[in-house]
Structures are given as C-alpha cells and as structure tokens.
Amino acid sequence: MERTVAEAAKGSAGSGADGILPAQGIRALIRSAGIGSEEAIGEDQIQPASLDLRLGSIAYRVRASFLPGADATVTARLKDFQMHAMHLADGAVLERGCVYIVPVLESLALPETLSGVANPKSSVGRLDVFTRLITDGAVLFDHVPLGYQGPLFVEVSPRTFSIVVRQGTRLNQLRLIAGSAVTTDAYLRRLHQGVPLVDSDLPKSDIGRGIPLTVDLSAGQEVPVGYRARRHADLIDLSRVDHYPPEMFWEPVQAERGRTLTLNPGDFYILASREAVTVPPDHAAEMRAYDTQVGEFRVHYAGFFDPGFGYAGCGGVGSRAVLEIRSFEIPFVLRHGQLVGRLVYERLAAIPDKLYGPAIGSAYQRQGLMLAKQFRRLGTA
C-alpha cells in the first residue's frame, strides 16, 4: 500500500491529507458552516464517509430532466420546466415515469480545497428510483465543483414503483473530497495483497480501472438467483421498514439452462455478486454504473460502499454486492461468473470514527441476495 492504515488514521479534516472526508471531517465542516441546513443536521445523517441529504418542503414536477448550465441557477431554470409544485410536509406521491426537482435542506459553502460527489442511497437504488444531485451552474450531475457555495437540489424519477416521500426523506448521500482520492491499478494490486478486496482468486491482469465483480447465477432450479420487479405494483412509502410483502412487488427468477439468465428490455432485476466484497476502513468504493464493454445493461444504480462494508472487524465477512440491473433496448443473456462491473476504490483523508455495520444501524452488512429495507426479509412471514 502507498499509505498504511496507521498513517491514514493520523489524518483529519484540515490536516492537508488528500482523500474523501471521514465522518469527523464532515462534523468539522458543519461546525465551521461549510455545510449549512434549514434544520439541524443529526448525527444519524453522518455516515462513515458521506452525508445523507434530506428533501426539503416542496417538490417540483418538471416536463424533462435538465442541467442549468454554467451561467444559470436551478431556480431560474425551473421557470422554464416546472409543471406544478407539491408540498411534502405531510407526504406526497412521486409517480413512476415522472421527473421531479426537489431542493434539499442542506447547502454548501465549501473552501476552495474541497469538491463533492453524490450517489443515491442503497435502498433507493434497489427500488429503481433514479435520483441525481444538481448544483447551481452545473454542467454535470452528481458533481459539486471545488469551492461551491450555494443550494443543492435533487432530481428524482421513480422508474418502476411510485413512492411516497416527505420533507426529510433521504435519497442521496454526498461525499466531500480534499484534493484527489483516486487510486491507480498498481495501488489496488498492493491493497488487495494486504487486505483482500474480494474473496476470489484475482490475477493481476484482472485489475483494470477497478476490481472486477461477476454475477452469481449458481443456485439450483428451485432457488431464485434474483428478483424481477412486478409492473403496476402498489405505492411504496420510503419511511416504512421491514413492512411490505416481497411477493406483491417482486417475482423470483431462476437460472436458465447452462446457469444463464435472459434480461428482458426495460425490466428491473435484483441480483447478487459471486464475490464477497471488503472495503478497508481507510477506503471507500464505488461501482462503475454502466460500461458498454461488458454489455448493454446498467448495473448498480447506487454504487457507493462505505468504509467497513464487508470488513471482518465490523462483522461483515461474506457481504455480497447487490446488483441493480436493467437491460437496454434488446434482450441480453447473462451467464454465471460474467463480468458485470468494476469496483473503484478511493482513499479517505483519515480513518472514520465510525464504520459501516450494525453499530451504526447499517442495513446491509453481511448481505447476500437482499431487497431494499422497506420489504420484509426474504423467508420471513
């Protein structure tokens, strides 16, 4: 490794160390007003290497997705695209197939040394809710430029299920980055030798712009290898946990002959990786969402793995990556062990003072094939 765990632990927000800010760095930024909010930010919003963003009081239905462009604000552009506004205080339905823009409660006043990147939260991705962060002057989604000062907005578009949200609902998480957190292939090879990042044999040639992940289609004919979302299902209230019967929203899918699975265009699937994944305490990981070189499908809408995910010291041995998959345009046949994406690991500026796992209420440590937390656990009444 280019930097040992002990060396990383010495870093802190403001220390000059490059990398993703850990939980204590996010708290420091809140105290210094680099992160502001219309309502107090709770400790439960602060994840090991990210901050949960909360929906504000109003959602704007718009006729199309948009970016404001370098010289415009989101509010100004809303005048061109807005259809109607909905108040979220008592809950509101965001309908599948529609696009909404929602101001979030948090805002930023970053120093010139910090930038940011956002992802949907895991449960949101597993519900096929397409959501992206937008800033004023944005030319890219999910990107916060160096030194950004201003409000934050999220675009929300449920693709399979209509959802109920409220003011305070958390759909996105924001990572803040000092300098660069990027790792090289050579760095990943050394990291994997010290802390195996996946539990499979990994030839050096397989590490190319990230650690490869493959799909698990090995279950017998009586055991599902995944789940396909039912069309025209009922509403899902995102505030409910362990509530909805899975069979009302999902149908199990079994592997076909030769341990394959044919993806129907437009259908949404939940599958699992063959590999168990480990994210060391001084790193975070992100799965590349779409790569035409592996096939015409999108994998893993959420894509962010916190420090400690799958890590033995956090009770995470055996944690699989859940794959949210949608095929584009044409049917596509997956085979067992096929490459579906790559995990890109990034350095943290310091080891977080909290790690992913049961101690902080993380929902997906030691997971296998698992639906979003709103559904009753598979195999329970």
Protein backbone atom coordinates (compact mmCIF):
# COMPACT_ATOMS: atom_id res chain seq x y z
CA MET A 1 0.00 0.00 0.00
CA GLU A 2 1.15 3.52 -0.71
CA ARG A 3 -0.23 4.60 2.68
CA THR A 4 -0.62 2.40 5.74
CA VAL A 5 -3.74 2.28 7.90
CA ALA A 6 -1.76 3.82 10.77
CA GLU A 7 -0.69 6.73 8.58
CA ALA A 8 -4.25 7.28 7.40
CA ALA A 9 -5.51 7.32 10.97
CA LYS A 10 -3.33 10.35 11.73
CA GLY A 11 -5.16 12.43 9.14
CA SER A 12 -8.09 14.67 9.96
CA ALA A 13 -10.19 17.36 8.33
CA GLY A 14 -8.00 20.35 7.69
CA SER A 15 -4.77 18.35 8.07
CA GLY A 16 -3.94 18.67 4.40
CA ALA A 17 -4.35 14.95 3.71
CA ASP A 18 -5.93 14.17 0.35
CA GLY A 19 -8.97 11.93 0.11
CA ILE A 20 -12.63 11.61 0.98
CA LEU A 21 -13.57 13.34 4.23
CA PRO A 22 -14.40 10.88 7.03
CA ALA A 23 -17.27 11.35 9.48
CA GLN A 24 -15.24 13.55 11.82
CA GLY A 25 -14.23 15.77 8.89
CA ILE A 26 -17.89 16.20 7.93
CA ARG A 27 -18.73 17.21 11.51
CA ALA A 28 -15.91 19.75 11.47
CA LEU A 29 -17.26 21.21 8.23
CA ILE A 30 -20.73 21.51 9.77
CA ARG A 31 -19.29 23.32 12.78
CA SER A 32 -17.43 25.75 10.52
CA ALA A 33 -20.60 26.41 8.46
CA GLY A 34 -19.12 24.80 5.36
CA ILE A 35 -22.26 22.68 5.43
CA GLY A 36 -25.43 24.53 6.37
CA SER A 37 -29.03 23.47 6.76
CA GLU A 38 -32.51 24.88 7.28
CA GLU A 39 -32.86 22.33 10.10
CA ALA A 40 -30.23 20.92 12.45
CA ILE A 41 -28.16 18.12 10.95
CA GLY A 42 -28.47 14.94 13.00
CA GLU A 43 -25.66 12.54 13.82
CA ASP A 44 -27.59 9.79 12.05
CA GLN A 45 -27.16 11.71 8.78
CA ILE A 46 -23.38 11.48 9.08
CA GLN A 47 -22.20 8.21 7.58
CA PRO A 48 -18.60 6.92 7.74
CA ALA A 49 -17.62 8.83 4.58
CA SER A 50 -20.72 10.69 3.43
CA LEU A 51 -23.60 12.91 4.48
CA ASP A 52 -27.24 11.97 3.91
CA LEU A 53 -29.14 14.80 2.20
CA ARG A 54 -32.78 15.46 3.16
CA LEU A 55 -35.58 16.52 0.88
CA GLY A 56 -36.96 20.00 1.51
CA SER A 57 -40.57 21.09 1.76
CA ILE A 58 -41.52 21.31 -1.95
CA ALA A 59 -41.15 19.04 -4.98
CA TYR A 60 -41.49 20.50 -8.48
CA ARG A 61 -42.83 18.28 -11.23
CA VAL A 62 -40.93 19.13 -14.41
CA ARG A 63 -41.52 18.13 -18.00
CA ALA A 64 -37.95 16.98 -18.58
CA SER A 65 -34.65 16.39 -16.86
CA PHE A 66 -32.20 19.27 -17.22
CA LEU A 67 -28.90 20.78 -16.15
CA PRO A 68 -28.88 24.54 -15.54
CA GLY A 69 -25.58 25.24 -17.34
CA ALA A 70 -22.60 27.27 -16.25
CA ASP A 71 -24.33 30.64 -16.10
CA ALA A 72 -27.71 29.71 -14.61
CA THR A 73 -29.27 28.68 -11.32
CA VAL A 74 -31.58 25.72 -10.87
CA THR A 75 -34.31 28.02 -9.56
CA ALA A 76 -34.16 30.18 -12.68
CA ARG A 77 -34.27 27.15 -14.97
CA LEU A 78 -37.25 25.72 -13.08
CA LYS A 79 -39.34 28.55 -14.53
CA ASP A 80 -38.83 27.00 -17.97
CA PHE A 81 -39.57 23.39 -16.97
CA GLN A 82 -41.90 23.44 -13.95
CA MET A 83 -45.39 21.96 -14.36
CA HIS A 84 -46.63 22.14 -10.77
CA ALA A 85 -45.40 22.12 -7.16
CA MET A 86 -46.25 19.73 -4.33
CA HIS A 87 -45.81 20.24 -0.61
CA LEU A 88 -44.02 17.39 1.14
CA ALA A 89 -44.66 18.13 4.82
CA ASP A 90 -47.49 15.58 5.10
CA GLY A 91 -46.17 13.25 2.41
CA ALA A 92 -46.68 13.19 -1.34
CA VAL A 93 -46.63 10.62 -4.12
CA LEU A 94 -43.87 10.79 -6.72
CA GLU A 95 -45.25 8.84 -9.67
CA ARG A 96 -43.29 6.37 -11.75
CA GLY A 97 -42.23 7.74 -15.11
CA CYS A 98 -42.32 11.36 -13.93
CA VAL A 99 -39.43 13.72 -13.16
CA TYR A 100 -39.23 15.95 -10.07
CA ILE A 101 -36.78 18.55 -8.80
CA VAL A 102 -36.58 18.93 -5.03
CA PRO A 103 -34.45 21.46 -3.10
CA VAL A 104 -32.70 19.73 -0.18
CA LEU A 105 -32.42 21.14 3.33
CA GLU A 106 -28.62 21.23 3.22
CA SER A 107 -26.48 23.84 1.47
CA LEU A 108 -22.74 24.27 0.99
CA ALA A 109 -20.11 26.95 1.47
CA LEU A 110 -17.02 24.90 0.68
CA PRO A 111 -13.44 26.08 0.89
CA GLU A 112 -11.55 26.11 -2.40
CA THR A 113 -9.82 22.85 -1.49
CA LEU A 114 -13.00 20.73 -1.34
CA SER A 115 -15.22 19.26 -4.04
CA GLY A 116 -18.02 16.71 -3.84
CA VAL A 117 -19.62 13.69 -5.49
CA ALA A 118 -23.11 12.30 -4.80
CA ASN A 119 -24.81 8.91 -5.13
CA PRO A 120 -28.28 7.56 -4.49
CA LYS A 121 -28.58 5.70 -1.18
CA SER A 122 -28.59 1.91 -1.42
CA SER A 123 -32.28 1.42 -0.63
CA VAL A 124 -33.22 3.99 -3.25
CA GLY A 125 -31.21 2.22 -5.94
CA ARG A 126 -32.82 -1.11 -5.04
CA LEU A 127 -36.25 0.45 -5.68
CA ASP A 128 -35.23 1.64 -9.15
CA VAL A 129 -35.59 5.28 -8.17
CA PHE A 130 -33.32 7.32 -10.42
CA THR A 131 -32.03 10.30 -8.44
CA ARG A 132 -29.16 12.72 -9.07
CA LEU A 133 -27.72 15.79 -7.37
CA ILE A 134 -27.75 19.19 -9.13
CA THR A 135 -25.97 22.41 -8.15
CA ASP A 136 -26.36 25.93 -9.47
CA GLY A 137 -24.22 26.34 -12.58
CA ALA A 138 -23.99 22.58 -13.03
CA VAL A 139 -22.82 21.05 -16.29
CA LEU A 140 -22.61 17.57 -14.70
CA PHE A 141 -24.97 15.62 -12.47
CA ASP A 142 -23.78 14.38 -9.06
CA HIS A 143 -20.75 16.68 -9.13
CA VAL A 144 -20.01 19.55 -6.73
CA PRO A 145 -17.17 21.75 -8.01
CA LEU A 146 -14.27 22.97 -5.90
CA GLY A 147 -15.30 25.72 -3.51
CA TYR A 148 -19.02 25.52 -4.37
CA GLN A 149 -21.21 27.91 -2.41
CA GLY A 150 -24.94 27.61 -2.81
CA PRO A 151 -28.05 25.44 -2.57
CA LEU A 152 -28.40 21.79 -3.55
CA PHE A 153 -31.21 20.10 -5.48
CA VAL A 154 -32.03 16.51 -6.36
CA GLU A 155 -33.70 15.22 -9.48
CA VAL A 156 -35.98 12.26 -8.68
CA SER A 157 -37.55 9.92 -11.22
CA PRO A 158 -39.12 6.65 -9.99
CA ARG A 159 -38.74 4.12 -12.79
CA THR A 160 -40.64 1.05 -11.53
CA PHE A 161 -42.58 1.87 -8.34
CA SER A 162 -44.38 5.08 -7.39
CA ILE A 163 -43.11 6.22 -4.00
CA VAL A 164 -44.26 8.26 -1.01
CA VAL A 165 -41.75 10.81 0.32
CA ARG A 166 -41.83 13.55 2.93
CA GLN A 167 -39.77 16.52 3.95
CA GLY A 168 -36.67 14.97 5.48
CA THR A 169 -36.67 11.81 3.33
CA ARG A 170 -33.11 10.85 2.41
CA LEU A 171 -32.49 9.78 -1.16
CA ASN A 172 -28.89 10.88 -1.81
CA GLN A 173 -25.58 10.87 0.01
CA LEU A 174 -22.78 13.39 -0.55
CA ARG A 175 -19.06 12.67 -0.32
CA LEU A 176 -16.67 15.58 0.10
CA ILE A 177 -13.16 15.25 -1.27
CA ALA A 178 -9.96 17.09 -0.42
CA GLY A 179 -7.61 17.09 -3.37
CA SER A 180 -7.71 13.71 -5.10
CA ALA A 181 -8.89 10.35 -3.76
CA VAL A 182 -8.11 8.42 -6.96
CA THR A 183 -6.15 5.16 -6.79
CA THR A 184 -4.13 3.51 -9.55
CA ASP A 185 -4.19 -0.12 -10.71
CA ALA A 186 -0.77 -0.66 -9.11
CA TYR A 187 -2.08 0.76 -5.82
CA LEU A 188 -5.12 -1.58 -5.95
CA ARG A 189 -2.88 -4.61 -6.52
CA ARG A 190 -0.89 -3.77 -3.39
CA LEU A 191 -4.05 -3.03 -1.40
CA HIS A 192 -5.58 -6.36 -2.44
CA GLN A 193 -2.45 -8.21 -1.34
CA GLY A 194 -2.71 -6.65 2.13
CA VAL A 195 -6.50 -6.71 2.58
CA PRO A 196 -8.22 -8.99 0.06
CA LEU A 197 -10.85 -6.81 -1.56
CA VAL A 198 -12.78 -9.78 -2.97
CA ASP A 199 -12.72 -13.40 -1.83
CA SER A 200 -11.86 -14.91 -5.21
CA ASP A 201 -8.58 -15.57 -6.95
CA LEU A 202 -7.66 -12.35 -8.67
CA PRO A 203 -4.87 -12.47 -11.26
CA LYS A 204 -3.01 -9.20 -11.65
CA SER A 205 -4.30 -8.90 -15.19
CA ASP A 206 -7.88 -8.71 -13.90
CA ILE A 207 -7.33 -5.38 -12.15
CA GLY A 208 -8.02 -2.75 -14.77
CA ARG A 209 -9.57 0.55 -13.73
CA GLY A 210 -11.10 -1.24 -10.75
CA ILE A 211 -11.63 -4.64 -9.13
CA PRO A 212 -13.82 -6.94 -11.27
CA LEU A 213 -17.18 -8.18 -9.97
CA THR A 214 -19.12 -11.04 -11.53
CA VAL A 215 -22.74 -12.20 -11.23
CA ASP A 216 -23.84 -15.23 -9.23
CA LEU A 217 -26.26 -17.48 -11.13
CA SER A 218 -25.20 -20.71 -9.45
CA ALA A 219 -28.33 -21.52 -7.41
CA GLY A 220 -30.29 -24.65 -8.28
CA GLN A 221 -33.55 -24.57 -10.19
CA GLU A 222 -35.66 -24.38 -7.01
CA VAL A 223 -33.71 -21.45 -5.57
CA PRO A 224 -34.03 -17.94 -7.05
CA VAL A 225 -30.89 -16.28 -8.33
CA GLY A 226 -32.62 -12.91 -8.26
CA TYR A 227 -35.87 -10.97 -8.38
CA ARG A 228 -37.65 -9.09 -11.14
CA ALA A 229 -39.84 -6.12 -10.27
CA ARG A 230 -43.55 -6.51 -10.95
CA ARG A 231 -45.09 -3.83 -13.09
CA HIS A 232 -48.10 -1.83 -11.88
CA ALA A 233 -47.45 -2.59 -8.21
CA ASP A 234 -48.73 -0.53 -5.27
CA LEU A 235 -47.11 2.56 -3.73
CA ILE A 236 -44.01 2.20 -1.57
CA ASP A 237 -43.71 4.54 1.41
CA LEU A 238 -39.97 5.03 1.89
CA SER A 239 -40.40 5.62 5.63
CA ARG A 240 -41.58 2.05 6.22
CA VAL A 241 -39.01 -0.59 7.14
CA ASP A 242 -39.47 -4.39 7.05
CA HIS A 243 -43.07 -3.74 6.05
CA TYR A 244 -44.07 -4.78 2.52
CA PRO A 245 -44.51 -8.43 1.48
CA PRO A 246 -41.94 -9.05 -1.26
CA GLU A 247 -44.27 -11.17 -3.39
CA MET A 248 -46.56 -8.18 -4.00
CA PHE A 249 -43.72 -6.28 -5.71
CA TRP A 250 -41.22 -8.89 -6.91
CA GLU A 251 -41.22 -12.20 -8.69
CA PRO A 252 -38.35 -14.65 -8.18
CA VAL A 253 -36.25 -15.62 -11.19
CA GLN A 254 -34.38 -18.89 -11.57
CA ALA A 255 -31.32 -19.55 -13.65
CA GLU A 256 -31.95 -20.95 -17.09
CA ARG A 257 -30.13 -23.80 -18.81
CA GLY A 258 -26.36 -23.50 -18.52
CA ARG A 259 -26.61 -21.16 -15.49
CA THR A 260 -27.75 -18.21 -17.60
CA LEU A 261 -30.44 -15.55 -17.24
CA THR A 262 -32.10 -13.61 -20.06
CA LEU A 263 -32.75 -9.97 -19.15
CA ASN A 264 -35.92 -8.55 -20.68
CA PRO A 265 -35.52 -4.99 -22.03
CA GLY A 266 -36.96 -2.45 -19.62
CA ASP A 267 -37.36 -4.88 -16.70
CA PHE A 268 -35.61 -4.23 -13.40
CA TYR A 269 -33.71 -7.02 -11.63
CA ILE A 270 -32.05 -7.54 -8.27
CA LEU A 271 -29.14 -9.99 -8.45
CA ALA A 272 -26.02 -10.58 -6.36
CA SER A 273 -22.30 -10.72 -7.00
CA ARG A 274 -20.43 -14.01 -6.89
CA GLU A 275 -17.69 -12.35 -4.84
CA ALA A 276 -17.84 -11.19 -1.26
CA VAL A 277 -16.54 -7.62 -1.06
CA THR A 278 -14.33 -5.93 1.53
CA VAL A 279 -13.86 -2.18 1.91
CA PRO A 280 -10.99 -1.41 4.34
CA PRO A 281 -11.55 1.33 6.95
CA ASP A 282 -9.37 3.88 5.16
CA HIS A 283 -11.08 3.49 1.77
CA ALA A 284 -14.47 3.77 0.14
CA ALA A 285 -15.56 2.05 -3.07
CA GLU A 286 -17.86 2.81 -5.96
CA MET A 287 -19.12 0.51 -8.71
CA ARG A 288 -18.93 1.81 -12.24
CA ALA A 289 -22.61 2.06 -13.18
CA TYR A 290 -22.52 1.44 -16.91
CA ASP A 291 -19.90 0.10 -19.25
CA THR A 292 -20.81 -0.85 -22.82
CA GLN A 293 -17.77 -3.10 -22.98
CA VAL A 294 -19.43 -5.64 -20.64
CA GLY A 295 -22.93 -5.46 -22.17
CA GLU A 296 -25.92 -3.27 -22.93
CA PHE A 297 -27.18 -3.03 -19.38
CA ARG A 298 -26.81 -0.76 -16.40
CA VAL A 299 -25.66 -2.23 -13.11
CA HIS A 300 -25.79 -0.84 -9.57
CA TYR A 301 -27.66 2.45 -9.55
CA ALA A 302 -26.47 3.39 -6.06
CA GLY A 303 -22.91 2.21 -6.37
CA PHE A 304 -21.32 3.50 -3.12
CA PHE A 305 -19.74 1.23 -0.49
CA ASP A 306 -18.84 2.79 2.86
CA PRO A 307 -15.60 2.14 4.76
CA GLY A 308 -16.10 -1.09 6.72
CA PHE A 309 -18.54 -2.74 4.31
CA GLY A 310 -17.73 -6.45 4.34
CA TYR A 311 -14.78 -5.84 6.68
CA ALA A 312 -14.13 -8.61 9.22
CA GLY A 313 -13.54 -6.11 12.03
CA CYS A 314 -17.06 -4.76 11.52
CA GLY A 315 -18.78 -8.15 11.37
CA GLY A 316 -19.06 -8.01 7.61
CA VAL A 317 -17.43 -11.23 6.43
CA GLY A 318 -19.30 -12.61 3.42
CA SER A 319 -21.00 -9.37 2.33
CA ARG A 320 -22.01 -9.57 -1.32
CA ALA A 321 -22.66 -6.67 -3.65
CA VAL A 322 -26.32 -6.47 -4.59
CA LEU A 323 -26.66 -5.66 -8.28
CA GLU A 324 -29.50 -3.49 -9.57
CA ILE A 325 -29.68 -4.30 -13.26
CA ARG A 326 -31.72 -3.04 -16.21
CA SER A 327 -31.16 -4.16 -19.80
CA PHE A 328 -31.33 -1.57 -22.58
CA GLU A 329 -33.06 -1.91 -25.95
CA ILE A 330 -32.50 -5.64 -26.59
CA PRO A 331 -32.68 -8.87 -24.54
CA PHE A 332 -29.33 -9.72 -23.00
CA VAL A 333 -28.17 -13.10 -21.68
CA LEU A 334 -26.07 -13.11 -18.52
CA ARG A 335 -24.05 -16.20 -17.65
CA HIS A 336 -22.81 -17.29 -14.25
CA GLY A 337 -19.49 -15.63 -13.46
CA GLN A 338 -19.85 -12.98 -16.15
CA LEU A 339 -18.17 -9.64 -15.51
CA VAL A 340 -20.85 -7.06 -14.67
CA GLY A 341 -18.86 -4.14 -13.29
CA ARG A 342 -15.76 -2.94 -11.51
CA LEU A 343 -15.26 -1.59 -8.03
CA VAL A 344 -13.18 1.58 -7.95
CA TYR A 345 -11.57 2.15 -4.55
CA GLU A 346 -10.77 5.66 -3.31
CA ARG A 347 -8.66 6.80 -0.38
CA LEU A 348 -10.01 8.55 2.69
CA ALA A 349 -8.25 11.53 4.25
CA ALA A 350 -8.42 9.66 7.59
CA ILE A 351 -9.97 6.55 9.08
CA PRO A 352 -13.55 7.43 10.13
CA ASP A 353 -14.50 7.37 13.81
CA LYS A 354 -17.49 5.23 12.80
CA LEU A 355 -17.56 2.37 10.29
CA TYR A 356 -20.27 0.63 8.30
CA GLY A 357 -22.00 -2.08 10.31
CA PRO A 358 -24.64 -2.92 12.94
CA ALA A 359 -23.15 -0.47 15.44
CA ILE A 360 -24.45 2.49 13.38
CA GLY A 361 -27.62 0.79 12.13
CA SER A 362 -26.34 -0.15 8.67
CA ALA A 363 -28.94 -2.28 6.90
CA TYR A 364 -26.87 -4.38 4.51
CA GLN A 365 -23.79 -5.71 6.33
CA ARG A 366 -23.28 -9.46 5.70
CA GLN A 367 -25.91 -9.35 2.97
CA GLY A 368 -26.45 -11.89 0.24
CA LEU A 369 -29.28 -11.56 -2.26
CA MET A 370 -31.33 -8.88 -0.49
CA LEU A 371 -34.14 -6.49 -1.38
CA ALA A 372 -34.45 -2.94 -0.07
CA LYS A 373 -35.08 -2.48 3.65
CA GLN A 374 -38.72 -1.49 3.05
CA PHE A 375 -39.56 -5.15 2.34
CA ARG A 376 -39.89 -7.99 4.81
CA ARG A 377 -36.78 -10.11 4.93
CA LEU A 378 -36.88 -12.95 2.43
CA GLY A 379 -38.03 -16.18 4.02
CA THR A 380 -39.99 -14.49 6.85
CA ALA A 381 -43.76 -14.37 7.26
